[in-house]
Amino acid sequence: MTSLSDRAGFLIVANLVKYAVGFIMPMVLVRLLSKGDYGSYQQMILISTAAVGVMTLGLPTSIYYFYHFVGERKIPALMVQTTLMLAVAGVLATVAILGWGGYFASTLNNPSMTGLLQLYALSLVFMIGSEHCLHFMIAQNHYGLAVIFEVAETVVRVLTLLAPLWLGYGFPGLIWGIVIYSAMRFFIRNGFLFGRSGLDFKGWRSQTFVGEQLGYSVPVALVTLSGILGSTVNRGMLAASFTPVHYAIYAVGALEIPLDVIFQSSVANVLRASLPPLVRDGNLNEVVRIMREAVRKLSIIVLPSFIFLLGHAYQFITLLFTSSYAESVDVFRIYLWLVPLHMFVLSPIPQVFGKPKLNFYIVAAMTVVLLALGYTLLKTIGFYGPALASVTTQYVQSLVYLLVVMKLTRATPWQLLPLWHMARVVAAGLVGLLASGLVDHLTASGLVNLVVAGIVFSLVFFLAAAPLGIFSREDMRLIKRWVQKVLPFKIPV
């Protein structure tokens, strides 16, 4: 049977490709668009992220729970009712932005983007209406198929978005590319989901349980709503207080290092799909063991990345986005403090215990804190206020989640978190940073210097990891298995 680490590995591969491209795309776009157009693009992303996050209604996440609890006869009904509800939600989101596009644009201090924002809104019906498809694949244990879809979609997305810019159609062409890509994604995903499911959909209407699914998913959606409300309003206050050019500078600095979506969310989805049976059987010790092991493995990736990027933040931002975005470096350093939180997988636990309302209560309370703190710091500190508010609130939220998970699992912080292991990883990372700092100005090329610094950091970290006992035997076997998947020769496992 495939281990949890291997299952997570499949999703990590897909997310690595998907978000590596997503990480690189802004670097390409800042070179192809003016600061004003790039700021407008980021404002549209701000609106669409809120719309997709809220209007999916928590339905994709609910699939993991119901797929294991409703019985095989109701799986076709689960698939159909989820698809229909998301399609309706997508239409509502598109209609809302078509109708209020002018208001949103004016509120963001950018009324000239109204027409393009309304065009962009057409993509929402397709994006929302296909958000659930990969979740079904994961619930069905088709991790390899999910990887294929993610990688293929990423390639198509890049080509569809960049081709209009290369052909000289400018910013409007980019928006048309987004709409075309989202439409293809919708029809291909849903066509494959229903055409290759192997399910018998006759009589699905008599098996529906819409109320029960919404009863589970709406609290999840409210969690998303609260979180998005906080982050969107927090950034929206800044966008309304400054020009699109200033927002472009802020958006570059607020660049998400996608360790959460590549690694943390992959692990979280595996836990959502794998832990419910353990909770059902009352095997809390195994739940705690799996959580602790997940945090331990994530810490080996997350903490060294955080330390390296914090030490080389200026070189990193100016290399990727040119020196014209040097003002973004301080914002980037603030947001980097979110990275250590990516090693924790706490928020899925209330969901696997069938208590998604707990997530809502936590996130709703933290949203109030974020809005109050964001407004206060924006007025007192200015440009950096929203960033400081976001980071501070996330740390408080993680602490609250830890307390809730301790109560649900009846475990102590020392049982849930490998604190001593995390300290050893930090020590190895600091040694690596000291070494890399000695070589980050060797040549006149910023790219060469950063690459050399990264190589030195990695080598020194791994050398320090051995005597500190950071990698277990199981870690080494896992690494060998995944290296073997991409190498043409055998490695003894």
Protein backbone atom coordinates (compact mmCIF):
# COMPACT_ATOMS: atom_id res chain seq x y z
CA MET A 1 0.00 0.00 0.00
CA THR A 2 1.32 3.48 -0.88
CA SER A 3 2.58 5.34 2.20
CA LEU A 4 1.24 8.73 3.24
CA SER A 5 4.61 10.26 2.39
CA ASP A 6 4.46 8.84 -1.14
CA ARG A 7 0.87 10.03 -1.59
CA ALA A 8 1.88 13.50 -0.48
CA GLY A 9 4.88 13.21 -2.80
CA PHE A 10 2.64 12.84 -5.86
CA LEU A 11 0.78 16.02 -4.95
CA ILE A 12 4.02 17.83 -4.11
CA VAL A 13 5.36 17.04 -7.59
CA ALA A 14 2.23 18.49 -9.18
CA ASN A 15 2.20 21.56 -6.97
CA LEU A 16 5.93 22.05 -7.42
CA VAL A 17 5.48 22.36 -11.17
CA LYS A 18 2.28 24.38 -10.90
CA TYR A 19 3.49 26.89 -8.35
CA ALA A 20 7.03 27.07 -9.63
CA VAL A 21 5.49 28.37 -12.84
CA GLY A 22 3.14 30.58 -10.83
CA PHE A 23 6.16 31.87 -8.95
CA ILE A 24 8.04 32.64 -12.16
CA MET A 25 5.10 34.21 -14.00
CA PRO A 26 5.21 37.51 -12.03
CA MET A 27 8.90 37.83 -12.93
CA VAL A 28 7.97 37.55 -16.60
CA LEU A 29 4.94 39.83 -16.34
CA VAL A 30 6.80 42.70 -14.64
CA ARG A 31 9.07 42.73 -17.69
CA LEU A 32 6.22 42.66 -20.21
CA LEU A 33 3.77 45.03 -18.48
CA SER A 34 4.11 48.55 -17.16
CA LYS A 35 3.97 49.04 -13.39
CA GLY A 36 0.47 50.46 -13.76
CA ASP A 37 -0.80 47.47 -15.78
CA TYR A 38 0.91 45.00 -13.45
CA GLY A 39 -0.70 46.74 -10.48
CA SER A 40 -4.10 46.47 -12.20
CA TYR A 41 -3.48 42.78 -12.89
CA GLN A 42 -2.68 42.17 -9.22
CA GLN A 43 -5.84 44.02 -8.20
CA MET A 44 -7.89 41.73 -10.45
CA ILE A 45 -6.17 38.73 -8.88
CA LEU A 46 -7.09 40.15 -5.47
CA ILE A 47 -10.79 40.27 -6.45
CA SER A 48 -10.84 36.87 -8.17
CA THR A 49 -9.05 35.15 -5.29
CA ALA A 50 -11.75 36.41 -2.95
CA ALA A 51 -14.53 35.35 -5.34
CA VAL A 52 -13.18 31.83 -5.96
CA GLY A 53 -12.33 31.28 -2.30
CA VAL A 54 -15.79 32.28 -1.10
CA MET A 55 -18.04 30.99 -3.88
CA THR A 56 -16.62 27.47 -3.91
CA LEU A 57 -18.61 27.24 -0.66
CA GLY A 58 -16.16 24.81 0.91
CA LEU A 59 -17.54 22.09 -1.38
CA PRO A 60 -14.19 20.79 -2.74
CA THR A 61 -12.89 20.23 0.80
CA SER A 62 -16.11 18.47 1.84
CA ILE A 63 -15.46 15.78 -0.78
CA TYR A 64 -12.73 14.22 1.37
CA TYR A 65 -15.12 13.79 4.29
CA PHE A 66 -18.22 12.56 2.46
CA TYR A 67 -16.41 10.25 0.08
CA HIS A 68 -15.54 8.04 3.07
CA PHE A 69 -18.82 8.37 4.96
CA VAL A 70 -21.76 8.31 2.53
CA GLY A 71 -21.27 4.84 1.04
CA GLU A 72 -20.63 3.81 -2.55
CA ARG A 73 -24.27 4.20 -3.66
CA LYS A 74 -24.20 7.92 -2.98
CA ILE A 75 -20.86 8.71 -4.66
CA PRO A 76 -22.57 9.56 -8.01
CA ALA A 77 -24.94 11.92 -6.20
CA LEU A 78 -21.98 13.51 -4.40
CA MET A 79 -20.27 14.13 -7.74
CA VAL A 80 -23.31 15.54 -9.52
CA GLN A 81 -24.62 17.76 -6.72
CA THR A 82 -21.13 19.17 -6.06
CA THR A 83 -20.69 20.01 -9.75
CA LEU A 84 -24.11 21.66 -10.05
CA MET A 85 -23.72 23.74 -6.90
CA LEU A 86 -20.29 24.99 -7.99
CA ALA A 87 -21.58 25.83 -11.48
CA VAL A 88 -24.39 27.95 -10.01
CA ALA A 89 -21.97 29.61 -7.60
CA GLY A 90 -19.64 30.43 -10.50
CA VAL A 91 -22.46 32.10 -12.44
CA LEU A 92 -23.38 34.21 -9.41
CA ALA A 93 -19.77 35.32 -8.93
CA THR A 94 -19.45 36.33 -12.57
CA VAL A 95 -22.75 38.23 -12.55
CA ALA A 96 -21.78 40.07 -9.36
CA ILE A 97 -18.50 41.35 -10.78
CA LEU A 98 -20.10 42.19 -14.14
CA GLY A 99 -22.61 44.33 -12.30
CA TRP A 100 -20.29 45.87 -9.71
CA GLY A 101 -17.10 46.06 -11.75
CA GLY A 102 -17.15 49.85 -11.76
CA TYR A 103 -17.60 50.00 -8.00
CA PHE A 104 -14.74 47.57 -7.35
CA ALA A 105 -12.42 49.46 -9.72
CA SER A 106 -13.23 52.83 -8.16
CA THR A 107 -12.79 51.47 -4.64
CA LEU A 108 -9.32 50.24 -5.59
CA ASN A 109 -8.44 53.72 -6.87
CA ASN A 110 -8.27 52.38 -10.45
CA PRO A 111 -11.52 53.20 -12.34
CA SER A 112 -9.85 52.74 -15.74
CA MET A 113 -9.69 48.97 -15.27
CA THR A 114 -13.50 48.55 -15.15
CA GLY A 115 -13.89 47.15 -18.67
CA LEU A 116 -11.07 44.64 -18.35
CA LEU A 117 -12.26 43.61 -14.89
CA GLN A 118 -15.68 42.78 -16.32
CA LEU A 119 -14.02 40.73 -19.06
CA TYR A 120 -11.90 38.99 -16.44
CA ALA A 121 -15.11 38.14 -14.54
CA LEU A 122 -16.07 35.68 -17.30
CA SER A 123 -13.25 33.40 -16.16
CA LEU A 124 -14.78 32.96 -12.70
CA VAL A 125 -17.71 30.80 -13.76
CA PHE A 126 -15.29 28.34 -15.35
CA MET A 127 -12.72 28.41 -12.54
CA ILE A 128 -15.24 27.89 -9.75
CA GLY A 129 -17.17 25.26 -11.73
CA SER A 130 -14.08 23.03 -12.03
CA GLU A 131 -12.48 23.46 -8.60
CA HIS A 132 -13.70 20.09 -7.31
CA CYS A 133 -12.40 17.74 -9.99
CA LEU A 134 -8.91 17.07 -8.65
CA HIS A 135 -10.29 16.63 -5.14
CA PHE A 136 -12.34 13.70 -6.40
CA MET A 137 -9.24 12.17 -7.96
CA ILE A 138 -7.36 12.46 -4.67
CA ALA A 139 -10.30 11.01 -2.71
CA GLN A 140 -10.31 8.09 -5.15
CA ASN A 141 -6.58 7.57 -4.51
CA HIS A 142 -5.71 8.55 -8.11
CA TYR A 143 -2.71 10.65 -7.11
CA GLY A 144 -0.77 10.00 -10.32
CA LEU A 145 -3.70 11.15 -12.44
CA ALA A 146 -3.99 14.31 -10.36
CA VAL A 147 -0.31 15.02 -11.02
CA ILE A 148 -0.75 14.59 -14.77
CA PHE A 149 -3.67 17.00 -14.81
CA GLU A 150 -1.88 19.65 -12.74
CA VAL A 151 1.28 19.55 -14.85
CA ALA A 152 -0.58 19.57 -18.18
CA GLU A 153 -2.81 22.44 -17.07
CA THR A 154 0.22 24.43 -15.96
CA VAL A 155 1.84 24.16 -19.39
CA VAL A 156 -1.38 25.17 -21.15
CA ARG A 157 -1.91 28.06 -18.75
CA VAL A 158 1.54 29.53 -19.40
CA LEU A 159 1.15 29.30 -23.17
CA THR A 160 -2.38 30.71 -23.15
CA LEU A 161 -1.50 33.68 -20.95
CA LEU A 162 1.84 34.65 -22.45
CA ALA A 163 1.07 34.08 -26.15
CA PRO A 164 -1.13 37.23 -26.44
CA LEU A 165 1.63 39.34 -24.87
CA TRP A 166 4.28 37.94 -27.20
CA LEU A 167 1.97 38.55 -30.17
CA GLY A 168 1.61 42.20 -29.21
CA TYR A 169 -1.95 42.24 -27.85
CA GLY A 170 -0.83 43.79 -24.58
CA PHE A 171 -2.68 43.77 -21.27
CA PRO A 172 -6.16 43.16 -22.84
CA GLY A 173 -4.70 40.12 -24.61
CA LEU A 174 -3.50 38.74 -21.27
CA ILE A 175 -7.03 38.99 -19.85
CA TRP A 176 -8.49 37.23 -22.89
CA GLY A 177 -5.89 34.51 -22.39
CA ILE A 178 -7.07 34.00 -18.81
CA VAL A 179 -10.70 33.63 -19.95
CA ILE A 180 -9.80 31.14 -22.69
CA TYR A 181 -7.66 29.05 -20.35
CA SER A 182 -10.35 28.89 -17.66
CA ALA A 183 -12.96 27.75 -20.22
CA MET A 184 -10.70 24.93 -21.45
CA ARG A 185 -10.00 23.91 -17.86
CA PHE A 186 -13.72 23.70 -17.09
CA PHE A 187 -14.72 21.51 -20.03
CA ILE A 188 -11.71 19.19 -19.91
CA ARG A 189 -11.80 18.63 -16.14
CA ASN A 190 -15.52 17.97 -15.92
CA GLY A 191 -15.57 15.95 -19.12
CA PHE A 192 -12.88 13.66 -17.78
CA LEU A 193 -14.43 13.47 -14.30
CA PHE A 194 -17.79 12.24 -15.57
CA GLY A 195 -16.64 10.44 -18.71
CA ARG A 196 -13.99 8.32 -16.97
CA SER A 197 -15.49 7.91 -13.50
CA GLY A 198 -16.86 4.44 -14.14
CA LEU A 199 -19.88 5.32 -11.98
CA ASP A 200 -23.53 4.57 -12.69
CA PHE A 201 -25.42 7.86 -12.48
CA LYS A 202 -28.89 6.36 -12.90
CA GLY A 203 -31.11 7.33 -10.00
CA TRP A 204 -28.63 9.80 -8.53
CA ARG A 205 -31.47 12.23 -7.75
CA SER A 206 -32.93 9.85 -5.17
CA GLN A 207 -29.57 9.65 -3.39
CA THR A 208 -28.85 13.36 -3.01
CA PHE A 209 -27.94 14.87 0.36
CA VAL A 210 -27.45 18.53 -0.52
CA GLY A 211 -28.47 19.81 2.90
CA GLU A 212 -26.08 17.50 4.68
CA GLN A 213 -23.18 18.44 2.41
CA LEU A 214 -23.87 22.16 2.76
CA GLY A 215 -24.18 21.69 6.51
CA TYR A 216 -20.58 20.49 6.49
CA SER A 217 -19.18 22.73 3.75
CA VAL A 218 -20.75 26.08 4.64
CA PRO A 219 -18.77 26.37 7.90
CA VAL A 220 -15.67 25.57 5.82
CA ALA A 221 -16.72 28.28 3.38
CA LEU A 222 -17.25 30.70 6.25
CA VAL A 223 -13.70 30.00 7.34
CA THR A 224 -12.52 30.87 3.84
CA LEU A 225 -14.81 33.90 3.75
CA SER A 226 -13.44 35.21 7.03
CA GLY A 227 -9.84 34.64 6.00
CA ILE A 228 -10.30 36.16 2.55
CA LEU A 229 -12.30 39.06 3.93
CA GLY A 230 -9.45 39.85 6.25
CA SER A 231 -6.66 39.54 3.69
CA THR A 232 -8.62 41.20 0.89
CA VAL A 233 -9.78 44.17 2.96
CA ASN A 234 -6.32 44.46 4.48
CA ARG A 235 -4.72 44.71 1.05
CA GLY A 236 -7.70 46.64 -0.30
CA MET A 237 -7.16 49.38 2.29
CA LEU A 238 -3.62 49.76 1.01
CA ALA A 239 -4.73 49.71 -2.64
CA ALA A 240 -7.33 52.39 -1.92
CA SER A 241 -4.74 54.53 -0.13
CA PHE A 242 -2.02 54.36 -2.81
CA THR A 243 -1.71 54.29 -6.61
CA PRO A 244 -1.65 51.12 -8.78
CA VAL A 245 2.13 51.66 -9.11
CA HIS A 246 2.53 51.56 -5.33
CA TYR A 247 0.32 48.48 -5.20
CA ALA A 248 2.57 46.81 -7.78
CA ILE A 249 5.55 47.43 -5.48
CA TYR A 250 3.62 46.01 -2.53
CA ALA A 251 2.40 43.00 -4.53
CA VAL A 252 5.97 42.11 -5.55
CA GLY A 253 7.09 42.34 -1.92
CA ALA A 254 4.11 40.27 -0.82
CA LEU A 255 5.24 37.52 -3.19
CA GLU A 256 4.15 34.21 -1.73
CA ILE A 257 6.94 31.70 -1.38
CA PRO A 258 4.74 28.75 -2.35
CA LEU A 259 6.05 26.28 0.23
CA ASP A 260 2.56 26.20 1.72
CA VAL A 261 0.74 25.33 -1.50
CA ILE A 262 3.51 23.02 -2.75
CA PHE A 263 4.21 21.11 0.45
CA GLN A 264 1.86 22.09 3.28
CA SER A 265 -1.38 21.92 1.31
CA SER A 266 -0.30 18.64 -0.33
CA VAL A 267 0.28 17.08 3.09
CA ALA A 268 -2.94 18.64 4.41
CA ASN A 269 -5.01 17.12 1.58
CA VAL A 270 -3.51 13.69 2.25
CA LEU A 271 -4.36 14.06 5.94
CA ARG A 272 -7.93 15.11 5.10
CA ALA A 273 -8.30 12.00 2.97
CA SER A 274 -6.50 9.58 5.35
CA LEU A 275 -7.26 10.62 8.94
CA PRO A 276 -11.09 10.41 9.04
CA PRO A 277 -11.06 6.58 9.36
CA LEU A 278 -8.58 6.82 12.26
CA VAL A 279 -10.76 9.39 14.01
CA ARG A 280 -13.83 7.24 13.38
CA ASP A 281 -12.08 4.28 15.03
CA GLY A 282 -10.85 6.38 17.96
CA ASN A 283 -7.15 5.82 17.11
CA LEU A 284 -5.97 9.22 18.35
CA ASN A 285 -2.42 8.06 19.07
CA GLU A 286 -1.93 7.31 15.39
CA VAL A 287 -3.42 10.68 14.43
CA VAL A 288 -0.90 12.42 16.72
CA ARG A 289 1.98 10.33 15.39
CA ILE A 290 1.11 11.13 11.76
CA MET A 291 0.75 14.84 12.51
CA ARG A 292 4.07 15.01 14.32
CA GLU A 293 5.83 13.18 11.53
CA ALA A 294 4.29 15.51 8.94
CA VAL A 295 5.55 18.57 10.83
CA ARG A 296 9.00 17.01 11.22
CA LYS A 297 9.35 16.39 7.49
CA LEU A 298 7.97 19.77 6.52
CA SER A 299 10.39 21.52 8.89
CA ILE A 300 13.34 20.11 6.95
CA ILE A 301 12.11 21.95 3.85
CA VAL A 302 10.50 25.05 5.31
CA LEU A 303 12.99 26.28 7.91
CA PRO A 304 16.14 26.22 5.75
CA SER A 305 14.24 27.96 2.94
CA PHE A 306 13.13 30.69 5.34
CA ILE A 307 16.63 31.24 6.70
CA PHE A 308 18.24 31.41 3.25
CA LEU A 309 15.66 33.79 1.79
CA LEU A 310 15.73 36.09 4.80
CA GLY A 311 19.51 36.36 4.55
CA HIS A 312 19.51 36.96 0.79
CA ALA A 313 16.24 38.90 0.40
CA TYR A 314 17.71 41.91 -1.44
CA GLN A 315 19.58 39.82 -4.00
CA PHE A 316 16.51 37.61 -4.49
CA ILE A 317 13.98 40.39 -5.20
CA THR A 318 16.21 42.62 -7.34
CA LEU A 319 17.38 39.67 -9.41
CA LEU A 320 13.90 38.35 -10.07
CA PHE A 321 12.06 41.64 -10.49
CA THR A 322 14.87 44.06 -11.44
CA SER A 323 16.25 46.90 -9.34
CA SER A 324 13.19 49.03 -10.14
CA TYR A 325 11.38 46.96 -7.50
CA ALA A 326 14.07 47.40 -4.82
CA GLU A 327 11.46 49.15 -2.67
CA SER A 328 9.66 45.80 -2.42
CA VAL A 329 12.47 44.17 -0.41
CA ASP A 330 11.34 45.40 3.01
CA VAL A 331 7.77 44.21 2.35
CA PHE A 332 9.20 40.86 1.23
CA ARG A 333 11.21 40.48 4.45
CA ILE A 334 8.09 41.07 6.53
CA TYR A 335 6.03 38.50 4.63
CA LEU A 336 8.86 35.97 4.81
CA TRP A 337 8.01 35.49 8.49
CA LEU A 338 4.91 33.62 7.33
CA VAL A 339 7.10 30.86 5.89
CA PRO A 340 7.90 29.08 9.20
CA LEU A 341 4.15 28.61 9.71
CA HIS A 342 4.02 26.48 6.55
CA MET A 343 5.43 23.46 8.41
CA PHE A 344 2.32 23.16 10.59
CA VAL A 345 -0.74 21.18 9.47
CA LEU A 346 -3.22 22.16 12.16
CA SER A 347 -6.28 23.53 10.38
CA PRO A 348 -7.31 20.20 8.74
CA ILE A 349 -7.64 18.49 12.14
CA PRO A 350 -10.99 20.00 13.23
CA GLN A 351 -12.34 19.06 9.78
CA VAL A 352 -11.31 15.40 10.05
CA PHE A 353 -12.96 15.33 13.46
CA GLY A 354 -16.17 16.51 11.75
CA LYS A 355 -16.03 19.91 13.49
CA PRO A 356 -15.48 22.46 10.70
CA LYS A 357 -17.30 25.12 12.74
CA LEU A 358 -14.25 25.35 14.99
CA ASN A 359 -12.24 26.56 12.01
CA PHE A 360 -14.84 29.22 11.35
CA TYR A 361 -14.83 30.50 14.92
CA ILE A 362 -11.04 30.75 14.91
CA VAL A 363 -10.71 32.42 11.53
CA ALA A 364 -13.64 34.78 12.16
CA ALA A 365 -12.06 35.98 15.40
CA MET A 366 -8.68 36.41 13.71
CA THR A 367 -10.30 38.33 10.86
CA VAL A 368 -11.57 40.91 13.33
CA VAL A 369 -8.07 41.15 14.79
CA LEU A 370 -6.52 41.52 11.33
CA LEU A 371 -8.90 44.24 10.20
CA ALA A 372 -8.49 46.25 13.38
CA LEU A 373 -4.73 45.82 13.46
CA GLY A 374 -4.38 46.44 9.71
CA TYR A 375 -6.30 49.71 9.84
CA THR A 376 -4.44 50.87 12.93
CA LEU A 377 -1.00 50.09 11.52
CA LEU A 378 -1.85 51.56 8.10
CA LYS A 379 -2.74 54.85 9.77
CA THR A 380 0.22 54.87 12.15
CA ILE A 381 3.03 53.14 10.23
CA GLY A 382 1.76 53.58 6.67
CA PHE A 383 2.84 51.44 3.73
CA TYR A 384 4.16 48.52 5.79
CA GLY A 385 1.19 48.39 8.19
CA PRO A 386 -0.93 45.78 6.34
CA ALA A 387 2.07 43.45 6.00
CA LEU A 388 2.89 43.60 9.72
CA ALA A 389 -0.76 43.07 10.59
CA SER A 390 -1.01 39.98 8.37
CA VAL A 391 2.06 38.32 9.84
CA THR A 392 1.16 39.07 13.45
CA THR A 393 -2.39 37.77 13.02
CA GLN A 394 -1.21 34.53 11.39
CA TYR A 395 1.05 33.75 14.34
CA VAL A 396 -1.77 34.32 16.81
CA GLN A 397 -4.08 32.15 14.69
CA SER A 398 -1.56 29.29 14.60
CA LEU A 399 -1.27 29.40 18.38
CA VAL A 400 -5.06 29.18 18.74
CA TYR A 401 -5.20 26.24 16.31
CA LEU A 402 -2.53 24.46 18.33
CA LEU A 403 -4.61 24.79 21.49
CA VAL A 404 -7.70 23.43 19.71
CA VAL A 405 -5.81 20.49 18.20
CA MET A 406 -4.32 19.67 21.61
CA LYS A 407 -7.82 19.40 23.02
CA LEU A 408 -9.19 17.30 20.15
CA THR A 409 -6.27 14.85 20.12
CA ARG A 410 -5.66 14.95 23.89
CA ALA A 411 -1.99 15.58 23.23
CA THR A 412 0.62 17.99 24.56
CA PRO A 413 2.64 20.43 22.40
CA TRP A 414 5.68 18.17 22.81
CA GLN A 415 3.72 15.22 21.46
CA LEU A 416 2.35 17.15 18.49
CA LEU A 417 5.43 19.16 17.57
CA PRO A 418 9.02 17.88 17.20
CA LEU A 419 10.46 20.97 18.89
CA TRP A 420 13.96 19.63 19.47
CA HIS A 421 14.17 18.47 15.85
CA MET A 422 13.04 21.91 14.64
CA ALA A 423 15.77 23.56 16.74
CA ARG A 424 18.40 21.33 15.13
CA VAL A 425 17.15 22.24 11.65
CA VAL A 426 17.41 25.95 12.51
CA ALA A 427 20.97 25.43 13.78
CA ALA A 428 22.01 23.71 10.54
CA GLY A 429 20.32 26.47 8.53
CA LEU A 430 22.17 29.24 10.37
CA VAL A 431 25.48 27.52 9.72
CA GLY A 432 24.56 27.32 6.05
CA LEU A 433 23.62 31.02 5.99
CA LEU A 434 26.96 32.05 7.47
CA ALA A 435 28.77 30.10 4.78
CA SER A 436 26.60 31.38 1.92
CA GLY A 437 27.06 34.97 3.08
CA LEU A 438 30.77 34.67 2.35
CA VAL A 439 30.21 33.96 -1.35
CA ASP A 440 27.22 36.11 -2.35
CA HIS A 441 29.38 38.87 -3.92
CA LEU A 442 31.95 36.77 -5.79
CA THR A 443 31.12 38.04 -9.29
CA ALA A 444 29.42 40.95 -11.00
CA SER A 445 26.46 38.74 -11.90
CA GLY A 446 23.59 38.72 -9.42
CA LEU A 447 22.29 35.44 -10.85
CA VAL A 448 25.64 33.67 -10.48
CA ASN A 449 26.10 35.01 -6.96
CA LEU A 450 22.66 33.86 -5.81
CA VAL A 451 23.08 30.43 -7.40
CA VAL A 452 26.51 29.97 -5.81
CA ALA A 453 25.15 31.11 -2.45
CA GLY A 454 22.29 28.62 -2.77
CA ILE A 455 24.65 25.77 -3.60
CA VAL A 456 26.98 26.59 -0.71
CA PHE A 457 24.04 26.95 1.67
CA SER A 458 22.62 23.57 0.64
CA LEU A 459 25.93 21.74 0.89
CA VAL A 460 26.77 23.15 4.30
CA PHE A 461 23.23 22.50 5.55
CA PHE A 462 23.40 18.83 4.53
CA LEU A 463 26.88 18.47 6.02
CA ALA A 464 25.63 19.93 9.30
CA ALA A 465 22.46 17.81 9.16
CA ALA A 466 24.38 14.53 9.40
CA PRO A 467 25.94 14.99 12.88
CA LEU A 468 22.74 16.67 14.10
CA GLY A 469 20.67 13.64 13.09
CA ILE A 470 18.15 15.67 11.08
CA PHE A 471 17.45 12.99 8.45
CA SER A 472 16.05 9.64 9.58
CA ARG A 473 16.59 6.35 7.76
CA GLU A 474 13.02 6.51 6.51
CA ASP A 475 13.72 10.00 5.12
CA MET A 476 16.71 8.67 3.19
CA ARG A 477 14.70 5.75 1.82
CA LEU A 478 11.94 8.14 0.75
CA ILE A 479 14.44 10.42 -1.00
CA LYS A 480 15.97 7.43 -2.80
CA ARG A 481 12.54 6.22 -3.95
CA TRP A 482 11.68 9.57 -5.46
CA VAL A 483 15.11 10.05 -7.01
CA GLN A 484 14.71 6.60 -8.53
CA LYS A 485 11.51 7.72 -10.24
CA VAL A 486 13.42 10.27 -12.32
CA LEU A 487 16.79 8.55 -12.83
CA PRO A 488 17.43 5.94 -15.53
CA PHE A 489 19.53 3.71 -13.24
CA LYS A 490 18.81 1.82 -10.06
CA ILE A 491 19.62 3.06 -6.56
CA PRO A 492 19.68 0.51 -3.74
CA VAL A 493 16.77 1.33 -1.37
